Amino acid sequence: RLVPEPMRVRRIVVSPSSDGTAGEEFLRETLARGHEGVVVKALDTPYSAGRRGAGWLKVKPVHTLDLVVLAAEWGHGRRTGRLSNLHLGARREDGSFAMLGKTFKGLTDAMLEWQTERLGELAVRDDGFTVTVRPELVVEIAYDGLQRSSRYPAGVTLRFARVVRYREDKAAEEADTVGTVLAAHGRDAEQRERG
């Protein structure tokens, strides 16, 4: 067997409650044990290896950070001619920025058009593939967790990062710091160790 006996759970049925608190409590307990989340399914929905049907739902917490756009890559396919893949950074104590990863997820067509124009105004270099910009634009990023990474200077990267919105109300100096990100990583690691 691939999964050790203590880690194997066949099925847990959470009793329905009129206000939904039983399910929320089960999720809280699961997260406290260091798990990423839960899968909720209709009892009459069959299991198919490698597939999650419409009767299955993955439930896990969503975290957000306000990060600074450091650069963007020119898009491909339907995004050709638009700046798409964002290079994201957190603020260091000295005021510089440490790159944490990239994402193009969550961007609508309207956002792509707007950011292509705005990032063009902030551009300091364009090598034909990547446009490096002045670090002035703050973007709210949702992500599912952090993982260690030797690829990025802070030693971590965002899992499943996606754009929520641009934060024109925030200056780059107000963006989240590397310390904030590492503290979140510490909490994630601590929860996994407890589990």
N, C-alpha and C. Protein backbone atom coordinates (compact mmCIF):
# COMPACT_ATOMS: atom_id res chain seq x y z
N ARG A 1 0.84 -1.19 0.00
CA ARG A 1 0.00 0.00 0.00
C ARG A 1 0.88 1.24 0.00
N LEU A 2 0.44 2.25 -0.71
CA LEU A 2 1.21 3.49 -0.82
C LEU A 2 1.08 4.38 0.41
N VAL A 3 -0.08 4.39 1.03
CA VAL A 3 -0.32 5.26 2.18
C VAL A 3 -0.26 4.43 3.45
N PRO A 4 0.59 4.82 4.43
CA PRO A 4 0.66 4.07 5.69
C PRO A 4 -0.70 4.03 6.39
N GLU A 5 -0.97 2.94 7.08
CA GLU A 5 -2.27 2.72 7.73
C GLU A 5 -2.76 3.91 8.56
N PRO A 6 -1.91 4.54 9.43
CA PRO A 6 -2.42 5.65 10.24
C PRO A 6 -2.89 6.86 9.41
N MET A 7 -2.38 6.97 8.19
CA MET A 7 -2.73 8.12 7.35
C MET A 7 -3.93 7.83 6.44
N ARG A 8 -4.37 6.59 6.41
CA ARG A 8 -5.44 6.18 5.50
C ARG A 8 -6.80 6.47 6.13
N VAL A 9 -7.66 7.14 5.39
CA VAL A 9 -9.02 7.41 5.85
C VAL A 9 -9.95 6.97 4.74
N ARG A 10 -10.79 6.01 5.04
CA ARG A 10 -11.72 5.53 4.03
C ARG A 10 -12.78 6.59 3.72
N ARG A 11 -13.48 6.99 4.75
CA ARG A 11 -14.54 7.97 4.55
C ARG A 11 -14.98 8.47 5.91
N ILE A 12 -15.19 9.75 6.00
CA ILE A 12 -15.76 10.32 7.21
C ILE A 12 -17.00 11.07 6.78
N VAL A 13 -18.11 10.73 7.38
CA VAL A 13 -19.35 11.43 7.07
C VAL A 13 -19.58 12.44 8.18
N VAL A 14 -19.66 13.69 7.79
CA VAL A 14 -19.92 14.76 8.75
C VAL A 14 -21.43 14.94 8.82
N SER A 15 -21.96 14.83 10.02
CA SER A 15 -23.41 14.96 10.18
C SER A 15 -23.87 16.35 9.78
N PRO A 16 -24.97 16.41 9.06
CA PRO A 16 -25.47 17.73 8.66
C PRO A 16 -25.89 18.54 9.88
N SER A 17 -25.74 19.83 9.77
CA SER A 17 -26.23 20.72 10.82
C SER A 17 -26.99 21.84 10.14
N SER A 18 -27.92 22.41 10.87
CA SER A 18 -28.77 23.44 10.26
C SER A 18 -28.00 24.70 9.92
N ASP A 19 -26.90 24.97 10.63
CA ASP A 19 -26.15 26.21 10.36
C ASP A 19 -24.79 25.96 9.70
N GLY A 20 -24.48 24.72 9.33
CA GLY A 20 -23.24 24.42 8.61
C GLY A 20 -21.99 24.37 9.47
N THR A 21 -22.13 24.44 10.79
CA THR A 21 -20.95 24.51 11.65
C THR A 21 -20.19 23.19 11.73
N ALA A 22 -20.86 22.05 11.54
CA ALA A 22 -20.17 20.76 11.65
C ALA A 22 -19.10 20.63 10.56
N GLY A 23 -19.43 21.01 9.35
CA GLY A 23 -18.47 20.95 8.25
C GLY A 23 -17.31 21.91 8.46
N GLU A 24 -17.62 23.11 8.92
CA GLU A 24 -16.57 24.11 9.17
C GLU A 24 -15.64 23.65 10.28
N GLU A 25 -16.20 23.04 11.32
CA GLU A 25 -15.39 22.54 12.43
C GLU A 25 -14.48 21.40 11.96
N PHE A 26 -15.03 20.51 11.13
CA PHE A 26 -14.23 19.41 10.59
C PHE A 26 -13.06 19.95 9.76
N LEU A 27 -13.31 20.97 8.94
CA LEU A 27 -12.25 21.59 8.13
C LEU A 27 -11.18 22.20 9.04
N ARG A 28 -11.61 22.94 10.08
CA ARG A 28 -10.65 23.54 11.02
C ARG A 28 -9.76 22.48 11.67
N GLU A 29 -10.39 21.38 12.12
CA GLU A 29 -9.63 20.30 12.76
C GLU A 29 -8.65 19.67 11.78
N THR A 30 -9.08 19.49 10.55
CA THR A 30 -8.23 18.89 9.51
C THR A 30 -7.02 19.78 9.24
N LEU A 31 -7.24 21.08 9.12
CA LEU A 31 -6.14 22.01 8.89
C LEU A 31 -5.19 22.04 10.08
N ALA A 32 -5.74 21.97 11.30
CA ALA A 32 -4.91 21.98 12.51
C ALA A 32 -4.01 20.75 12.57
N ARG A 33 -4.45 19.65 11.96
CA ARG A 33 -3.62 18.43 11.93
C ARG A 33 -2.56 18.49 10.82
N GLY A 34 -2.52 19.63 10.10
CA GLY A 34 -1.48 19.81 9.10
C GLY A 34 -1.87 19.42 7.68
N HIS A 35 -3.13 19.08 7.47
CA HIS A 35 -3.57 18.73 6.12
C HIS A 35 -3.88 19.99 5.32
N GLU A 36 -3.83 19.86 4.01
CA GLU A 36 -4.03 20.99 3.11
C GLU A 36 -5.50 21.41 3.03
N GLY A 37 -6.40 20.48 3.24
CA GLY A 37 -7.83 20.76 3.12
C GLY A 37 -8.58 19.45 3.12
N VAL A 38 -9.80 19.49 2.61
CA VAL A 38 -10.64 18.29 2.54
C VAL A 38 -11.27 18.19 1.16
N VAL A 39 -11.68 16.99 0.81
CA VAL A 39 -12.47 16.79 -0.40
C VAL A 39 -13.87 16.41 0.06
N VAL A 40 -14.84 17.15 -0.42
CA VAL A 40 -16.24 16.92 -0.07
C VAL A 40 -16.91 16.35 -1.32
N LYS A 41 -17.72 15.31 -1.13
CA LYS A 41 -18.40 14.73 -2.28
C LYS A 41 -19.79 14.28 -1.92
N ALA A 42 -20.62 14.21 -2.93
CA ALA A 42 -21.96 13.65 -2.75
C ALA A 42 -21.78 12.15 -2.51
N LEU A 43 -22.55 11.57 -1.59
CA LEU A 43 -22.40 10.16 -1.26
C LEU A 43 -22.66 9.24 -2.45
N ASP A 44 -23.48 9.69 -3.38
CA ASP A 44 -23.81 8.84 -4.54
C ASP A 44 -22.88 9.05 -5.74
N THR A 45 -21.81 9.82 -5.56
CA THR A 45 -20.87 10.07 -6.65
C THR A 45 -19.74 9.05 -6.58
N PRO A 46 -19.56 8.24 -7.64
CA PRO A 46 -18.53 7.21 -7.60
C PRO A 46 -17.12 7.78 -7.75
N TYR A 47 -16.15 7.03 -7.25
CA TYR A 47 -14.74 7.40 -7.39
C TYR A 47 -14.23 6.90 -8.74
N SER A 48 -13.53 7.76 -9.47
CA SER A 48 -12.86 7.37 -10.71
C SER A 48 -11.41 7.79 -10.57
N ALA A 49 -10.49 6.85 -10.71
CA ALA A 49 -9.07 7.14 -10.52
C ALA A 49 -8.61 8.29 -11.41
N GLY A 50 -7.95 9.27 -10.79
CA GLY A 50 -7.38 10.39 -11.53
C GLY A 50 -8.38 11.45 -11.97
N ARG A 51 -9.63 11.32 -11.56
CA ARG A 51 -10.64 12.29 -11.97
C ARG A 51 -11.47 12.74 -10.78
N ARG A 52 -11.90 13.98 -10.84
CA ARG A 52 -12.78 14.52 -9.81
C ARG A 52 -14.00 15.05 -10.54
N GLY A 53 -15.12 14.41 -10.37
CA GLY A 53 -16.33 14.79 -11.08
C GLY A 53 -17.02 15.99 -10.46
N ALA A 54 -18.17 16.33 -11.03
CA ALA A 54 -18.93 17.50 -10.59
C ALA A 54 -19.44 17.35 -9.16
N GLY A 55 -19.56 16.13 -8.68
CA GLY A 55 -20.03 15.90 -7.32
C GLY A 55 -18.94 15.96 -6.27
N TRP A 56 -17.72 16.32 -6.69
CA TRP A 56 -16.57 16.41 -5.79
C TRP A 56 -16.12 17.85 -5.68
N LEU A 57 -15.75 18.28 -4.50
CA LEU A 57 -15.30 19.65 -4.30
C LEU A 57 -14.10 19.66 -3.35
N LYS A 58 -13.02 20.31 -3.77
CA LYS A 58 -11.83 20.45 -2.93
C LYS A 58 -12.01 21.73 -2.11
N VAL A 59 -11.88 21.64 -0.80
CA VAL A 59 -12.05 22.80 0.07
C VAL A 59 -10.75 23.01 0.85
N LYS A 60 -10.15 24.18 0.66
CA LYS A 60 -8.92 24.52 1.38
C LYS A 60 -8.84 26.03 1.52
N PRO A 61 -8.06 26.49 2.49
CA PRO A 61 -8.00 27.94 2.71
C PRO A 61 -7.27 28.64 1.56
N VAL A 62 -7.66 29.87 1.33
CA VAL A 62 -6.98 30.70 0.34
C VAL A 62 -6.28 31.82 1.09
N HIS A 63 -5.00 32.00 0.81
CA HIS A 63 -4.21 33.06 1.42
C HIS A 63 -4.02 34.15 0.38
N THR A 64 -3.81 35.38 0.83
CA THR A 64 -3.50 36.45 -0.12
C THR A 64 -2.31 37.26 0.38
N LEU A 65 -1.59 37.81 -0.58
CA LEU A 65 -0.48 38.72 -0.31
C LEU A 65 -0.59 39.88 -1.28
N ASP A 66 -0.13 41.04 -0.84
CA ASP A 66 0.02 42.19 -1.74
C ASP A 66 1.48 42.24 -2.16
N LEU A 67 1.73 41.94 -3.43
CA LEU A 67 3.10 41.86 -3.95
C LEU A 67 3.31 42.91 -5.03
N VAL A 68 4.55 43.11 -5.40
CA VAL A 68 4.92 44.12 -6.39
C VAL A 68 5.28 43.43 -7.70
N VAL A 69 4.80 44.01 -8.81
CA VAL A 69 5.15 43.49 -10.13
C VAL A 69 6.56 43.98 -10.47
N LEU A 70 7.46 43.03 -10.73
CA LEU A 70 8.85 43.35 -11.06
C LEU A 70 9.10 43.30 -12.56
N ALA A 71 8.33 42.48 -13.26
CA ALA A 71 8.47 42.31 -14.70
C ALA A 71 7.25 41.55 -15.21
N ALA A 72 7.13 41.47 -16.53
CA ALA A 72 6.07 40.67 -17.15
C ALA A 72 6.58 40.14 -18.47
N GLU A 73 6.11 38.96 -18.82
CA GLU A 73 6.51 38.33 -20.07
C GLU A 73 5.45 38.55 -21.13
N TRP A 74 5.89 38.71 -22.37
CA TRP A 74 4.96 38.83 -23.48
C TRP A 74 4.22 37.51 -23.64
N GLY A 75 2.91 37.61 -23.87
CA GLY A 75 2.08 36.41 -23.96
C GLY A 75 2.22 35.66 -25.27
N HIS A 76 1.65 34.47 -25.29
CA HIS A 76 1.65 33.60 -26.46
C HIS A 76 0.20 33.23 -26.77
N GLY A 77 -0.04 32.71 -27.96
CA GLY A 77 -1.39 32.27 -28.32
C GLY A 77 -2.35 33.44 -28.29
N ARG A 78 -3.47 33.27 -27.62
CA ARG A 78 -4.47 34.34 -27.57
C ARG A 78 -4.01 35.56 -26.78
N ARG A 79 -2.89 35.44 -26.07
CA ARG A 79 -2.34 36.57 -25.31
C ARG A 79 -1.19 37.26 -26.05
N THR A 80 -0.96 36.88 -27.30
CA THR A 80 0.10 37.50 -28.09
C THR A 80 -0.12 39.01 -28.15
N GLY A 81 0.96 39.76 -27.97
CA GLY A 81 0.88 41.22 -28.01
C GLY A 81 0.49 41.85 -26.69
N ARG A 82 0.28 41.03 -25.68
CA ARG A 82 -0.08 41.53 -24.35
C ARG A 82 0.94 41.03 -23.33
N LEU A 83 1.19 41.87 -22.33
CA LEU A 83 2.04 41.44 -21.23
C LEU A 83 1.21 40.54 -20.33
N SER A 84 1.72 39.36 -20.05
CA SER A 84 0.91 38.35 -19.39
C SER A 84 1.53 37.85 -18.09
N ASN A 85 2.51 36.98 -18.17
CA ASN A 85 3.07 36.31 -17.00
C ASN A 85 3.81 37.30 -16.11
N LEU A 86 3.26 37.56 -14.91
CA LEU A 86 3.82 38.56 -14.00
C LEU A 86 4.91 37.96 -13.12
N HIS A 87 6.01 38.69 -12.95
CA HIS A 87 7.06 38.33 -12.00
C HIS A 87 6.75 39.09 -10.71
N LEU A 88 6.59 38.36 -9.61
CA LEU A 88 6.09 38.94 -8.37
C LEU A 88 7.17 39.00 -7.30
N GLY A 89 7.20 40.11 -6.56
CA GLY A 89 8.21 40.27 -5.52
C GLY A 89 7.64 40.78 -4.21
N ALA A 90 8.31 40.40 -3.12
CA ALA A 90 8.00 40.91 -1.79
C ALA A 90 9.12 41.86 -1.38
N ARG A 91 8.77 42.81 -0.53
CA ARG A 91 9.71 43.84 -0.10
C ARG A 91 10.73 43.29 0.89
N ARG A 92 12.00 43.64 0.68
CA ARG A 92 13.05 43.32 1.64
C ARG A 92 13.20 44.49 2.61
N GLU A 93 13.89 44.24 3.72
CA GLU A 93 14.10 45.30 4.72
C GLU A 93 14.83 46.51 4.15
N ASP A 94 15.73 46.28 3.19
CA ASP A 94 16.49 47.40 2.61
C ASP A 94 15.73 48.16 1.53
N GLY A 95 14.46 47.78 1.28
CA GLY A 95 13.64 48.48 0.29
C GLY A 95 13.68 47.86 -1.09
N SER A 96 14.57 46.91 -1.33
CA SER A 96 14.59 46.21 -2.61
C SER A 96 13.52 45.10 -2.59
N PHE A 97 13.43 44.34 -3.67
CA PHE A 97 12.39 43.32 -3.76
C PHE A 97 12.99 41.96 -4.10
N ALA A 98 12.45 40.91 -3.48
CA ALA A 98 12.87 39.54 -3.75
C ALA A 98 11.76 38.85 -4.53
N MET A 99 12.11 38.31 -5.68
CA MET A 99 11.13 37.62 -6.51
C MET A 99 10.68 36.33 -5.84
N LEU A 100 9.34 36.10 -5.86
CA LEU A 100 8.76 34.91 -5.24
C LEU A 100 8.17 33.95 -6.25
N GLY A 101 8.02 34.39 -7.48
CA GLY A 101 7.41 33.51 -8.48
C GLY A 101 6.75 34.31 -9.57
N LYS A 102 6.00 33.58 -10.41
CA LYS A 102 5.32 34.17 -11.56
C LYS A 102 3.90 33.65 -11.61
N THR A 103 3.02 34.42 -12.25
CA THR A 103 1.68 33.91 -12.54
C THR A 103 1.03 34.71 -13.66
N PHE A 104 0.17 34.04 -14.40
CA PHE A 104 -0.71 34.70 -15.36
C PHE A 104 -2.15 34.29 -15.08
N LYS A 105 -2.35 33.46 -14.07
CA LYS A 105 -3.69 32.96 -13.73
C LYS A 105 -4.54 34.08 -13.15
N GLY A 106 -5.82 34.04 -13.45
CA GLY A 106 -6.76 35.00 -12.89
C GLY A 106 -6.91 36.28 -13.67
N LEU A 107 -6.10 36.47 -14.70
CA LEU A 107 -6.15 37.72 -15.47
C LEU A 107 -7.27 37.68 -16.51
N THR A 108 -8.14 38.65 -16.45
CA THR A 108 -9.20 38.78 -17.46
C THR A 108 -8.63 39.50 -18.67
N ASP A 109 -9.36 39.49 -19.78
CA ASP A 109 -8.92 40.22 -20.97
C ASP A 109 -8.76 41.71 -20.67
N ALA A 110 -9.70 42.25 -19.89
CA ALA A 110 -9.63 43.68 -19.54
C ALA A 110 -8.38 43.97 -18.71
N MET A 111 -8.05 43.07 -17.77
CA MET A 111 -6.84 43.26 -16.96
C MET A 111 -5.59 43.16 -17.82
N LEU A 112 -5.57 42.23 -18.76
CA LEU A 112 -4.42 42.09 -19.66
C LEU A 112 -4.19 43.36 -20.46
N GLU A 113 -5.27 43.93 -20.99
CA GLU A 113 -5.14 45.18 -21.75
C GLU A 113 -4.63 46.30 -20.86
N TRP A 114 -5.23 46.45 -19.68
CA TRP A 114 -4.84 47.51 -18.76
C TRP A 114 -3.38 47.35 -18.34
N GLN A 115 -2.99 46.14 -17.93
CA GLN A 115 -1.63 45.96 -17.43
C GLN A 115 -0.60 46.11 -18.54
N THR A 116 -0.94 45.76 -19.78
CA THR A 116 0.00 45.95 -20.88
C THR A 116 0.31 47.43 -21.05
N GLU A 117 -0.73 48.25 -20.98
CA GLU A 117 -0.53 49.70 -21.10
C GLU A 117 0.22 50.25 -19.89
N ARG A 118 -0.22 49.88 -18.69
CA ARG A 118 0.38 50.41 -17.46
C ARG A 118 1.83 49.96 -17.30
N LEU A 119 2.10 48.69 -17.54
CA LEU A 119 3.47 48.20 -17.40
C LEU A 119 4.38 48.79 -18.48
N GLY A 120 3.80 49.09 -19.64
CA GLY A 120 4.57 49.77 -20.68
C GLY A 120 5.06 51.13 -20.20
N GLU A 121 4.22 51.82 -19.42
CA GLU A 121 4.60 53.13 -18.86
C GLU A 121 5.72 52.99 -17.82
N LEU A 122 5.79 51.84 -17.15
CA LEU A 122 6.78 51.61 -16.09
C LEU A 122 8.03 50.88 -16.59
N ALA A 123 8.06 50.54 -17.87
CA ALA A 123 9.14 49.72 -18.43
C ALA A 123 10.50 50.40 -18.33
N VAL A 124 11.51 49.62 -17.93
CA VAL A 124 12.89 50.09 -17.93
C VAL A 124 13.75 49.28 -18.91
N ARG A 125 13.25 48.09 -19.29
CA ARG A 125 13.98 47.25 -20.24
C ARG A 125 13.00 46.25 -20.87
N ASP A 126 13.18 46.01 -22.17
CA ASP A 126 12.37 45.03 -22.90
C ASP A 126 13.32 44.24 -23.79
N ASP A 127 13.52 42.96 -23.45
CA ASP A 127 14.44 42.13 -24.25
C ASP A 127 13.70 41.34 -25.33
N GLY A 128 12.42 41.68 -25.55
CA GLY A 128 11.63 40.98 -26.55
C GLY A 128 10.85 39.81 -25.98
N PHE A 129 11.22 39.36 -24.79
CA PHE A 129 10.52 38.28 -24.12
C PHE A 129 9.95 38.76 -22.78
N THR A 130 10.79 39.49 -22.03
CA THR A 130 10.41 39.98 -20.71
C THR A 130 10.59 41.49 -20.65
N VAL A 131 9.59 42.16 -20.06
CA VAL A 131 9.67 43.60 -19.84
C VAL A 131 9.89 43.82 -18.35
N THR A 132 11.05 44.37 -18.00
CA THR A 132 11.35 44.71 -16.61
C THR A 132 10.79 46.09 -16.34
N VAL A 133 10.14 46.26 -15.18
CA VAL A 133 9.46 47.53 -14.88
C VAL A 133 9.97 48.12 -13.56
N ARG A 134 9.73 49.42 -13.39
CA ARG A 134 9.98 50.03 -12.09
C ARG A 134 9.02 49.37 -11.10
N PRO A 135 9.48 48.97 -9.93
CA PRO A 135 8.63 48.26 -8.97
C PRO A 135 7.67 49.20 -8.24
N GLU A 136 6.61 49.58 -8.92
CA GLU A 136 5.66 50.53 -8.35
C GLU A 136 4.24 50.00 -8.27
N LEU A 137 3.94 48.94 -9.00
CA LEU A 137 2.56 48.46 -9.11
C LEU A 137 2.34 47.28 -8.16
N VAL A 138 1.32 47.41 -7.29
CA VAL A 138 1.01 46.38 -6.30
C VAL A 138 -0.18 45.57 -6.80
N VAL A 139 -0.09 44.26 -6.63
CA VAL A 139 -1.15 43.35 -7.07
C VAL A 139 -1.47 42.39 -5.92
N GLU A 140 -2.76 42.16 -5.70
CA GLU A 140 -3.19 41.19 -4.68
C GLU A 140 -3.17 39.81 -5.32
N ILE A 141 -2.46 38.89 -4.68
CA ILE A 141 -2.29 37.54 -5.20
C ILE A 141 -2.89 36.54 -4.21
N ALA A 142 -3.76 35.68 -4.71
CA ALA A 142 -4.26 34.56 -3.91
C ALA A 142 -3.35 33.37 -4.19
N TYR A 143 -3.10 32.56 -3.18
CA TYR A 143 -2.26 31.38 -3.36
C TYR A 143 -2.68 30.31 -2.36
N ASP A 144 -2.37 29.06 -2.69
CA ASP A 144 -2.81 27.95 -1.85
C ASP A 144 -1.82 27.57 -0.76
N GLY A 145 -0.60 28.01 -0.87
CA GLY A 145 0.41 27.69 0.12
C GLY A 145 1.78 28.09 -0.39
N LEU A 146 2.77 27.82 0.41
CA LEU A 146 4.16 28.13 0.05
C LEU A 146 4.96 26.85 0.00
N GLN A 147 5.97 26.85 -0.84
CA GLN A 147 6.88 25.71 -0.86
C GLN A 147 8.30 26.20 -0.98
N ARG A 148 9.22 25.42 -0.45
CA ARG A 148 10.64 25.78 -0.55
C ARG A 148 11.05 25.79 -2.01
N SER A 149 11.95 26.72 -2.34
CA SER A 149 12.44 26.81 -3.72
C SER A 149 13.82 27.45 -3.73
N SER A 150 14.77 26.77 -4.32
CA SER A 150 16.11 27.34 -4.47
C SER A 150 16.16 28.27 -5.68
N ARG A 151 15.11 28.29 -6.47
CA ARG A 151 15.06 29.13 -7.67
C ARG A 151 14.88 30.61 -7.33
N TYR A 152 14.24 30.90 -6.21
CA TYR A 152 13.93 32.29 -5.87
C TYR A 152 14.71 32.73 -4.63
N PRO A 153 15.10 34.02 -4.59
CA PRO A 153 16.00 34.52 -3.54
C PRO A 153 15.49 34.37 -2.11
N ALA A 154 14.18 34.41 -1.89
CA ALA A 154 13.65 34.28 -0.53
C ALA A 154 13.61 32.83 -0.07
N GLY A 155 13.88 31.89 -0.98
CA GLY A 155 13.89 30.48 -0.61
C GLY A 155 12.54 29.81 -0.64
N VAL A 156 11.50 30.55 -1.00
CA VAL A 156 10.15 30.00 -1.11
C VAL A 156 9.48 30.54 -2.37
N THR A 157 8.43 29.84 -2.79
CA THR A 157 7.61 30.30 -3.90
C THR A 157 6.15 30.03 -3.57
N LEU A 158 5.25 30.67 -4.29
CA LEU A 158 3.82 30.54 -4.06
C LEU A 158 3.26 29.36 -4.84
N ARG A 159 2.41 28.56 -4.21
CA ARG A 159 1.74 27.46 -4.90
C ARG A 159 0.41 27.95 -5.46
N PHE A 160 0.19 27.69 -6.74
CA PHE A 160 -1.06 28.02 -7.42
C PHE A 160 -1.43 29.50 -7.25
N ALA A 161 -0.47 30.37 -7.53
CA ALA A 161 -0.70 31.81 -7.42
C ALA A 161 -1.63 32.29 -8.53
N ARG A 162 -2.51 33.22 -8.19
CA ARG A 162 -3.41 33.82 -9.18
C ARG A 162 -3.73 35.25 -8.78
N VAL A 163 -3.94 36.07 -9.78
CA VAL A 163 -4.21 37.49 -9.57
C VAL A 163 -5.64 37.67 -9.10
N VAL A 164 -5.82 38.43 -8.02
CA VAL A 164 -7.15 38.79 -7.55
C VAL A 164 -7.52 40.15 -8.12
N ARG A 165 -6.62 41.13 -7.92
CA ARG A 165 -6.87 42.49 -8.41
C ARG A 165 -5.60 43.32 -8.25
N TYR A 166 -5.58 44.41 -8.97
CA TYR A 166 -4.50 45.38 -8.78
C TYR A 166 -4.88 46.28 -7.62
N ARG A 167 -3.88 46.69 -6.83
CA ARG A 167 -4.09 47.54 -5.66
C ARG A 167 -3.53 48.93 -5.94
N GLU A 168 -4.24 49.69 -6.74
CA GLU A 168 -3.79 51.05 -7.06
C GLU A 168 -3.83 51.96 -5.84
N ASP A 169 -4.54 51.50 -4.79
CA ASP A 169 -4.61 52.27 -3.54
C ASP A 169 -3.38 52.07 -2.67
N LYS A 170 -2.48 51.18 -3.06
CA LYS A 170 -1.29 50.87 -2.25
C LYS A 170 -0.02 51.22 -3.00
N ALA A 171 0.92 51.77 -2.26
CA ALA A 171 2.25 52.03 -2.81
C ALA A 171 3.11 50.79 -2.61
N ALA A 172 4.16 50.66 -3.41
CA ALA A 172 5.06 49.50 -3.30
C ALA A 172 5.64 49.38 -1.89
N GLU A 173 5.84 50.51 -1.22
CA GLU A 173 6.38 50.49 0.15
C GLU A 173 5.41 49.85 1.14
N GLU A 174 4.15 49.70 0.75
CA GLU A 174 3.14 49.09 1.62
C GLU A 174 2.91 47.62 1.29
N ALA A 175 3.61 47.09 0.29
CA ALA A 175 3.44 45.68 -0.09
C ALA A 175 3.96 44.78 1.03
N ASP A 176 3.55 43.52 0.98
CA ASP A 176 4.01 42.56 1.99
C ASP A 176 5.52 42.36 1.89
N THR A 177 6.10 42.07 3.05
CA THR A 177 7.55 41.92 3.13
C THR A 177 7.95 40.44 3.02
N VAL A 178 9.22 40.23 2.75
CA VAL A 178 9.76 38.87 2.74
C VAL A 178 9.53 38.24 4.11
N GLY A 179 9.70 39.02 5.18
CA GLY A 179 9.47 38.52 6.53
C GLY A 179 8.05 38.01 6.73
N THR A 180 7.07 38.73 6.21
CA THR A 180 5.66 38.31 6.29
C THR A 180 5.48 36.97 5.59
N VAL A 181 6.06 36.87 4.40
CA VAL A 181 5.94 35.64 3.62
C VAL A 181 6.62 34.47 4.34
N LEU A 182 7.82 34.69 4.86
CA LEU A 182 8.53 33.62 5.56
C LEU A 182 7.82 33.21 6.84
N ALA A 183 7.19 34.16 7.52
CA ALA A 183 6.40 33.83 8.72
C ALA A 183 5.24 32.92 8.34
N ALA A 184 4.59 33.21 7.22
CA ALA A 184 3.50 32.36 6.73
C ALA A 184 4.04 30.98 6.38
N HIS A 185 5.22 30.93 5.76
CA HIS A 185 5.85 29.65 5.42
C HIS A 185 6.14 28.86 6.69
N GLY A 186 6.61 29.55 7.72
CA GLY A 186 6.88 28.90 9.00
C GLY A 186 5.62 28.30 9.60
N ARG A 187 4.51 29.03 9.51
CA ARG A 187 3.23 28.51 10.02
C ARG A 187 2.80 27.28 9.22
N ASP A 188 2.93 27.35 7.88
CA ASP A 188 2.58 26.20 7.04
C ASP A 188 3.42 24.99 7.41
N ALA A 189 4.73 25.18 7.55
CA ALA A 189 5.64 24.07 7.87
C ALA A 189 5.33 23.51 9.25
N GLU A 190 5.04 24.39 10.20
CA GLU A 190 4.72 23.96 11.56
C GLU A 190 3.46 23.10 11.56
N GLN A 191 2.44 23.51 10.80
CA GLN A 191 1.20 22.73 10.73
C GLN A 191 1.45 21.37 10.11
N ARG A 192 2.29 21.30 9.07
CA ARG A 192 2.60 20.02 8.42
C ARG A 192 3.33 19.09 9.40
N GLU A 193 4.24 19.65 10.20
CA GLU A 193 4.99 18.83 11.15
C GLU A 193 4.08 18.28 12.24
N ARG A 194 3.09 19.08 12.67
CA ARG A 194 2.17 18.63 13.70
C ARG A 194 1.27 17.50 13.19
N GLY A 195 0.98 17.54 11.87
CA GLY A 195 0.06 16.56 11.27
C GLY A 195 0.66 15.22 11.24
